[in-house]
Amino acid sequence: MEKIALKRLENTVYCRLGVSTVHGVGIFAIKEIPKGVNPFADSYIGQDAVLINKNKIKNENISKLLEDYFPTNGNEKCILPLFPNQPIWTNYLNYTSNPEKINIILDSTGVWRTTKTILLGEELLEDPQDHFINGDFKIRYVDRLKNDYLNLRK
């Protein structure tokens, strides 16, 4: 069992949390991450989520928490995991509006992928608007398309 655990550590652990120069805490490569890799494949990323209207939250501290940790769409809608107290790696992804600095995306199938090789010590940066398709959460949207396709084939 130890051999398996050591192999998993060696092959699937790519990142750690650290102090970000962008904002607060960020995710940093602890080894080179090749292009096209999902560095979160072996972790909970809050896939089970609901899209909520952030403006309906009355408590300012909860609103701030949503803003800091969960993707929002035009500061109105927010992707809230069903288990928001569960630590989620991707909550610590910082974002940039500079396309040249974006090195990880949520792809069209709802899977995280590096867009280029990420070097040891480099912070993973995303574009938060990439979480949405037509105003809906990409993972849920993709799942709905798959379900629609499967239902059509019946």
C-alpha atoms as a PDB file:
ATOM      1  CA  MET A   1       0.000   0.000   0.000  1.00  0.00           C
ATOM      2  CA  GLU A   2       2.867   2.360   0.785  1.00  0.00           C
ATOM      3  CA  LYS A   3       4.261   1.845  -2.743  1.00  0.00           C
ATOM      4  CA  ILE A   4       0.910   2.848  -4.255  1.00  0.00           C
ATOM      5  CA  ALA A   5       0.639   5.917  -2.012  1.00  0.00           C
ATOM      6  CA  LEU A   6       4.167   7.024  -2.868  1.00  0.00           C
ATOM      7  CA  LYS A   7       3.518   6.547  -6.587  1.00  0.00           C
ATOM      8  CA  ARG A   8       0.309   8.607  -6.386  1.00  0.00           C
ATOM      9  CA  LEU A   9       2.171  11.375  -4.568  1.00  0.00           C
ATOM     10  CA  GLU A  10       4.861  11.349  -7.218  1.00  0.00           C
ATOM     11  CA  ASN A  11       2.451  11.226 -10.184  1.00  0.00           C
ATOM     12  CA  THR A  12      -0.667  13.202  -9.199  1.00  0.00           C
ATOM     13  CA  VAL A  13       0.382  15.895  -6.724  1.00  0.00           C
ATOM     14  CA  TYR A  14       1.437  19.044  -8.545  1.00  0.00           C
ATOM     15  CA  CYS A  15       0.568  21.988  -6.303  1.00  0.00           C
ATOM     16  CA  ARG A  16       0.600  23.572  -2.883  1.00  0.00           C
ATOM     17  CA  LEU A  17      -0.908  26.705  -1.391  1.00  0.00           C
ATOM     18  CA  GLY A  18       1.335  29.708  -0.842  1.00  0.00           C
ATOM     19  CA  VAL A  19       1.410  33.465  -0.412  1.00  0.00           C
ATOM     20  CA  SER A  20       0.389  35.090  -3.679  1.00  0.00           C
ATOM     21  CA  THR A  21       1.723  38.314  -5.138  1.00  0.00           C
ATOM     22  CA  VAL A  22      -1.630  38.604  -6.953  1.00  0.00           C
ATOM     23  CA  HIS A  23      -4.045  38.266  -4.010  1.00  0.00           C
ATOM     24  CA  GLY A  24      -3.852  36.561  -0.613  1.00  0.00           C
ATOM     25  CA  VAL A  25      -3.320  32.824  -0.995  1.00  0.00           C
ATOM     26  CA  GLY A  26      -2.630  31.173  -4.340  1.00  0.00           C
ATOM     27  CA  ILE A  27      -1.808  27.783  -5.852  1.00  0.00           C
ATOM     28  CA  PHE A  28       1.798  27.153  -6.853  1.00  0.00           C
ATOM     29  CA  ALA A  29       3.486  24.387  -8.829  1.00  0.00           C
ATOM     30  CA  ILE A  30       5.735  22.167  -6.687  1.00  0.00           C
ATOM     31  CA  LYS A  31       7.122  20.617  -9.870  1.00  0.00           C
ATOM     32  CA  GLU A  32       6.814  21.319 -13.573  1.00  0.00           C
ATOM     33  CA  ILE A  33       3.251  20.739 -14.786  1.00  0.00           C
ATOM     34  CA  PRO A  34       3.046  19.831 -18.487  1.00  0.00           C
ATOM     35  CA  LYS A  35       0.587  21.494 -20.836  1.00  0.00           C
ATOM     36  CA  GLY A  36      -2.820  19.760 -20.938  1.00  0.00           C
ATOM     37  CA  VAL A  37      -2.644  18.283 -17.426  1.00  0.00           C
ATOM     38  CA  ASN A  38      -5.433  18.500 -14.852  1.00  0.00           C
ATOM     39  CA  PRO A  39      -3.471  19.233 -11.653  1.00  0.00           C
ATOM     40  CA  PHE A  40      -6.633  18.739  -9.574  1.00  0.00           C
ATOM     41  CA  ALA A  41      -7.630  15.342 -10.993  1.00  0.00           C
ATOM     42  CA  ASP A  42      -7.090  13.639  -7.652  1.00  0.00           C
ATOM     43  CA  SER A  43      -8.905  16.191  -5.480  1.00  0.00           C
ATOM     44  CA  TYR A  44     -12.369  17.508  -4.665  1.00  0.00           C
ATOM     45  CA  ILE A  45     -13.090  20.590  -6.762  1.00  0.00           C
ATOM     46  CA  GLY A  46     -16.709  21.231  -5.810  1.00  0.00           C
ATOM     47  CA  GLN A  47     -18.280  19.880  -9.003  1.00  0.00           C
ATOM     48  CA  ASP A  48     -21.671  19.488  -7.305  1.00  0.00           C
ATOM     49  CA  ALA A  49     -22.809  23.069  -7.213  1.00  0.00           C
ATOM     50  CA  VAL A  50     -25.772  25.380  -7.555  1.00  0.00           C
ATOM     51  CA  LEU A  51     -25.916  28.737  -9.315  1.00  0.00           C
ATOM     52  CA  ILE A  52     -27.278  31.364  -6.893  1.00  0.00           C
ATOM     53  CA  ASN A  53     -28.091  35.061  -7.085  1.00  0.00           C
ATOM     54  CA  LYS A  54     -25.400  36.659  -4.942  1.00  0.00           C
ATOM     55  CA  ASN A  55     -27.462  39.823  -4.480  1.00  0.00           C
ATOM     56  CA  LYS A  56     -30.002  37.901  -2.385  1.00  0.00           C
ATOM     57  CA  ILE A  57     -27.440  37.320   0.396  1.00  0.00           C
ATOM     58  CA  LYS A  58     -28.214  39.622   3.331  1.00  0.00           C
ATOM     59  CA  ASN A  59     -25.100  38.973   5.449  1.00  0.00           C
ATOM     60  CA  GLU A  60     -22.148  41.117   4.252  1.00  0.00           C
ATOM     61  CA  ASN A  61     -19.584  38.636   5.579  1.00  0.00           C
ATOM     62  CA  ILE A  62     -21.163  35.805   3.591  1.00  0.00           C
ATOM     63  CA  SER A  63     -21.221  38.024   0.484  1.00  0.00           C
ATOM     64  CA  LYS A  64     -17.532  38.784   0.942  1.00  0.00           C
ATOM     65  CA  LEU A  65     -16.786  35.077   1.395  1.00  0.00           C
ATOM     66  CA  LEU A  66     -18.601  34.302  -1.873  1.00  0.00           C
ATOM     67  CA  GLU A  67     -16.666  37.039  -3.661  1.00  0.00           C
ATOM     68  CA  ASP A  68     -13.333  35.790  -2.328  1.00  0.00           C
ATOM     69  CA  TYR A  69     -13.745  32.056  -2.898  1.00  0.00           C
ATOM     70  CA  PHE A  70     -16.365  31.235  -5.502  1.00  0.00           C
ATOM     71  CA  PRO A  71     -16.656  32.231  -9.196  1.00  0.00           C
ATOM     72  CA  THR A  72     -19.169  34.962  -9.930  1.00  0.00           C
ATOM     73  CA  ASN A  73     -20.673  36.046 -13.223  1.00  0.00           C
ATOM     74  CA  GLY A  74     -20.837  39.815 -13.487  1.00  0.00           C
ATOM     75  CA  ASN A  75     -21.058  39.959  -9.685  1.00  0.00           C
ATOM     76  CA  GLU A  76     -24.651  38.775  -9.814  1.00  0.00           C
ATOM     77  CA  LYS A  77     -24.599  34.997 -10.034  1.00  0.00           C
ATOM     78  CA  CYS A  78     -22.277  32.799  -8.010  1.00  0.00           C
ATOM     79  CA  ILE A  79     -21.303  29.141  -8.280  1.00  0.00           C
ATOM     80  CA  LEU A  80     -21.795  27.704  -4.804  1.00  0.00           C
ATOM     81  CA  PRO A  81     -20.674  24.120  -4.078  1.00  0.00           C
ATOM     82  CA  LEU A  82     -23.223  21.979  -2.253  1.00  0.00           C
ATOM     83  CA  PHE A  83     -20.629  21.557   0.504  1.00  0.00           C
ATOM     84  CA  PRO A  84     -19.137  25.072   0.838  1.00  0.00           C
ATOM     85  CA  ASN A  85     -17.208  24.253   4.020  1.00  0.00           C
ATOM     86  CA  GLN A  86     -15.270  21.484   2.251  1.00  0.00           C
ATOM     87  CA  PRO A  87     -11.798  22.775   1.275  1.00  0.00           C
ATOM     88  CA  ILE A  88     -11.722  23.111  -2.492  1.00  0.00           C
ATOM     89  CA  TRP A  89      -8.391  23.560  -4.270  1.00  0.00           C
ATOM     90  CA  THR A  90      -9.770  25.711  -7.033  1.00  0.00           C
ATOM     91  CA  ASN A  91     -11.090  28.276  -4.529  1.00  0.00           C
ATOM     92  CA  TYR A  92      -7.482  29.386  -4.216  1.00  0.00           C
ATOM     93  CA  LEU A  93      -6.920  29.996  -7.917  1.00  0.00           C
ATOM     94  CA  ASN A  94      -6.218  33.664  -8.436  1.00  0.00           C
ATOM     95  CA  TYR A  95      -7.245  35.300 -11.657  1.00  0.00           C
ATOM     96  CA  THR A  96      -5.845  37.681 -14.163  1.00  0.00           C
ATOM     97  CA  SER A  97      -7.356  39.623 -17.022  1.00  0.00           C
ATOM     98  CA  ASN A  98      -4.031  39.381 -18.886  1.00  0.00           C
ATOM     99  CA  PRO A  99      -4.483  36.493 -21.377  1.00  0.00           C
ATOM    100  CA  GLU A 100      -0.702  35.942 -21.538  1.00  0.00           C
ATOM    101  CA  LYS A 101      -0.590  35.092 -17.813  1.00  0.00           C
ATOM    102  CA  ILE A 102      -3.529  32.656 -17.831  1.00  0.00           C
ATOM    103  CA  ASN A 103      -2.048  29.169 -17.505  1.00  0.00           C
ATOM    104  CA  ILE A 104      -5.074  27.057 -16.515  1.00  0.00           C
ATOM    105  CA  ILE A 105      -8.643  26.894 -17.819  1.00  0.00           C
ATOM    106  CA  LEU A 106     -11.848  25.030 -17.197  1.00  0.00           C
ATOM    107  CA  ASP A 107     -12.133  23.394 -20.629  1.00  0.00           C
ATOM    108  CA  SER A 108     -15.266  22.904 -22.712  1.00  0.00           C
ATOM    109  CA  THR A 109     -15.950  19.576 -20.985  1.00  0.00           C
ATOM    110  CA  GLY A 110     -15.750  21.107 -17.494  1.00  0.00           C
ATOM    111  CA  VAL A 111     -12.267  19.700 -16.722  1.00  0.00           C
ATOM    112  CA  TRP A 112      -9.309  21.788 -15.540  1.00  0.00           C
ATOM    113  CA  ARG A 113      -6.388  21.848 -17.996  1.00  0.00           C
ATOM    114  CA  THR A 114      -3.085  23.690 -18.058  1.00  0.00           C
ATOM    115  CA  THR A 115      -2.781  25.829 -21.187  1.00  0.00           C
ATOM    116  CA  LYS A 116       1.008  25.718 -21.191  1.00  0.00           C
ATOM    117  CA  THR A 117       3.830  24.188 -19.181  1.00  0.00           C
ATOM    118  CA  ILE A 118       3.793  25.632 -15.662  1.00  0.00           C
ATOM    119  CA  LEU A 119       7.226  25.901 -14.083  1.00  0.00           C
ATOM    120  CA  LEU A 120       8.233  24.964 -10.546  1.00  0.00           C
ATOM    121  CA  GLY A 121       7.176  27.790  -8.205  1.00  0.00           C
ATOM    122  CA  GLU A 122       4.873  29.456 -10.755  1.00  0.00           C
ATOM    123  CA  GLU A 123       1.386  30.476  -9.601  1.00  0.00           C
ATOM    124  CA  LEU A 124      -1.595  28.990 -11.414  1.00  0.00           C
ATOM    125  CA  LEU A 125      -3.801  31.786 -12.801  1.00  0.00           C
ATOM    126  CA  GLU A 126      -7.188  31.629 -14.485  1.00  0.00           C
ATOM    127  CA  ASP A 127      -9.911  33.802 -15.995  1.00  0.00           C
ATOM    128  CA  PRO A 128     -13.015  33.448 -13.752  1.00  0.00           C
ATOM    129  CA  GLN A 129     -15.392  34.209 -16.619  1.00  0.00           C
ATOM    130  CA  ASP A 130     -14.202  30.945 -18.118  1.00  0.00           C
ATOM    131  CA  HIS A 131     -16.463  29.106 -15.623  1.00  0.00           C
ATOM    132  CA  PHE A 132     -19.595  30.198 -17.481  1.00  0.00           C
ATOM    133  CA  ILE A 133     -21.282  29.353 -20.787  1.00  0.00           C
ATOM    134  CA  ASN A 134     -24.304  31.412 -21.771  1.00  0.00           C
ATOM    135  CA  GLY A 135     -24.547  32.666 -18.169  1.00  0.00           C
ATOM    136  CA  ASP A 136     -24.639  29.146 -16.696  1.00  0.00           C
ATOM    137  CA  PHE A 137     -21.969  27.195 -14.804  1.00  0.00           C
ATOM    138  CA  LYS A 138     -19.885  25.361 -17.438  1.00  0.00           C
ATOM    139  CA  ILE A 139     -19.844  21.968 -15.675  1.00  0.00           C
ATOM    140  CA  ARG A 140     -23.620  21.989 -15.210  1.00  0.00           C
ATOM    141  CA  TYR A 141     -24.130  23.268 -18.769  1.00  0.00           C
ATOM    142  CA  VAL A 142     -21.919  20.513 -20.203  1.00  0.00           C
ATOM    143  CA  ASP A 143     -23.680  17.863 -18.078  1.00  0.00           C
ATOM    144  CA  ARG A 144     -27.052  19.107 -19.319  1.00  0.00           C
ATOM    145  CA  LEU A 145     -25.866  18.909 -22.944  1.00  0.00           C
ATOM    146  CA  LYS A 146     -24.671  15.324 -22.360  1.00  0.00           C
ATOM    147  CA  ASN A 147     -28.019  14.401 -20.794  1.00  0.00           C
ATOM    148  CA  ASP A 148     -29.938  16.035 -23.645  1.00  0.00           C
ATOM    149  CA  TYR A 149     -27.819  14.115 -26.152  1.00  0.00           C
ATOM    150  CA  LEU A 150     -28.328  10.805 -24.327  1.00  0.00           C
ATOM    151  CA  ASN A 151     -32.086  11.416 -24.072  1.00  0.00           C
ATOM    152  CA  LEU A 152     -32.282  12.112 -27.821  1.00  0.00           C
ATOM    153  CA  ARG A 153     -30.649   8.759 -28.545  1.00  0.00           C
ATOM    154  CA  LYS A 154     -33.283   6.811 -26.578  1.00  0.00           C
END
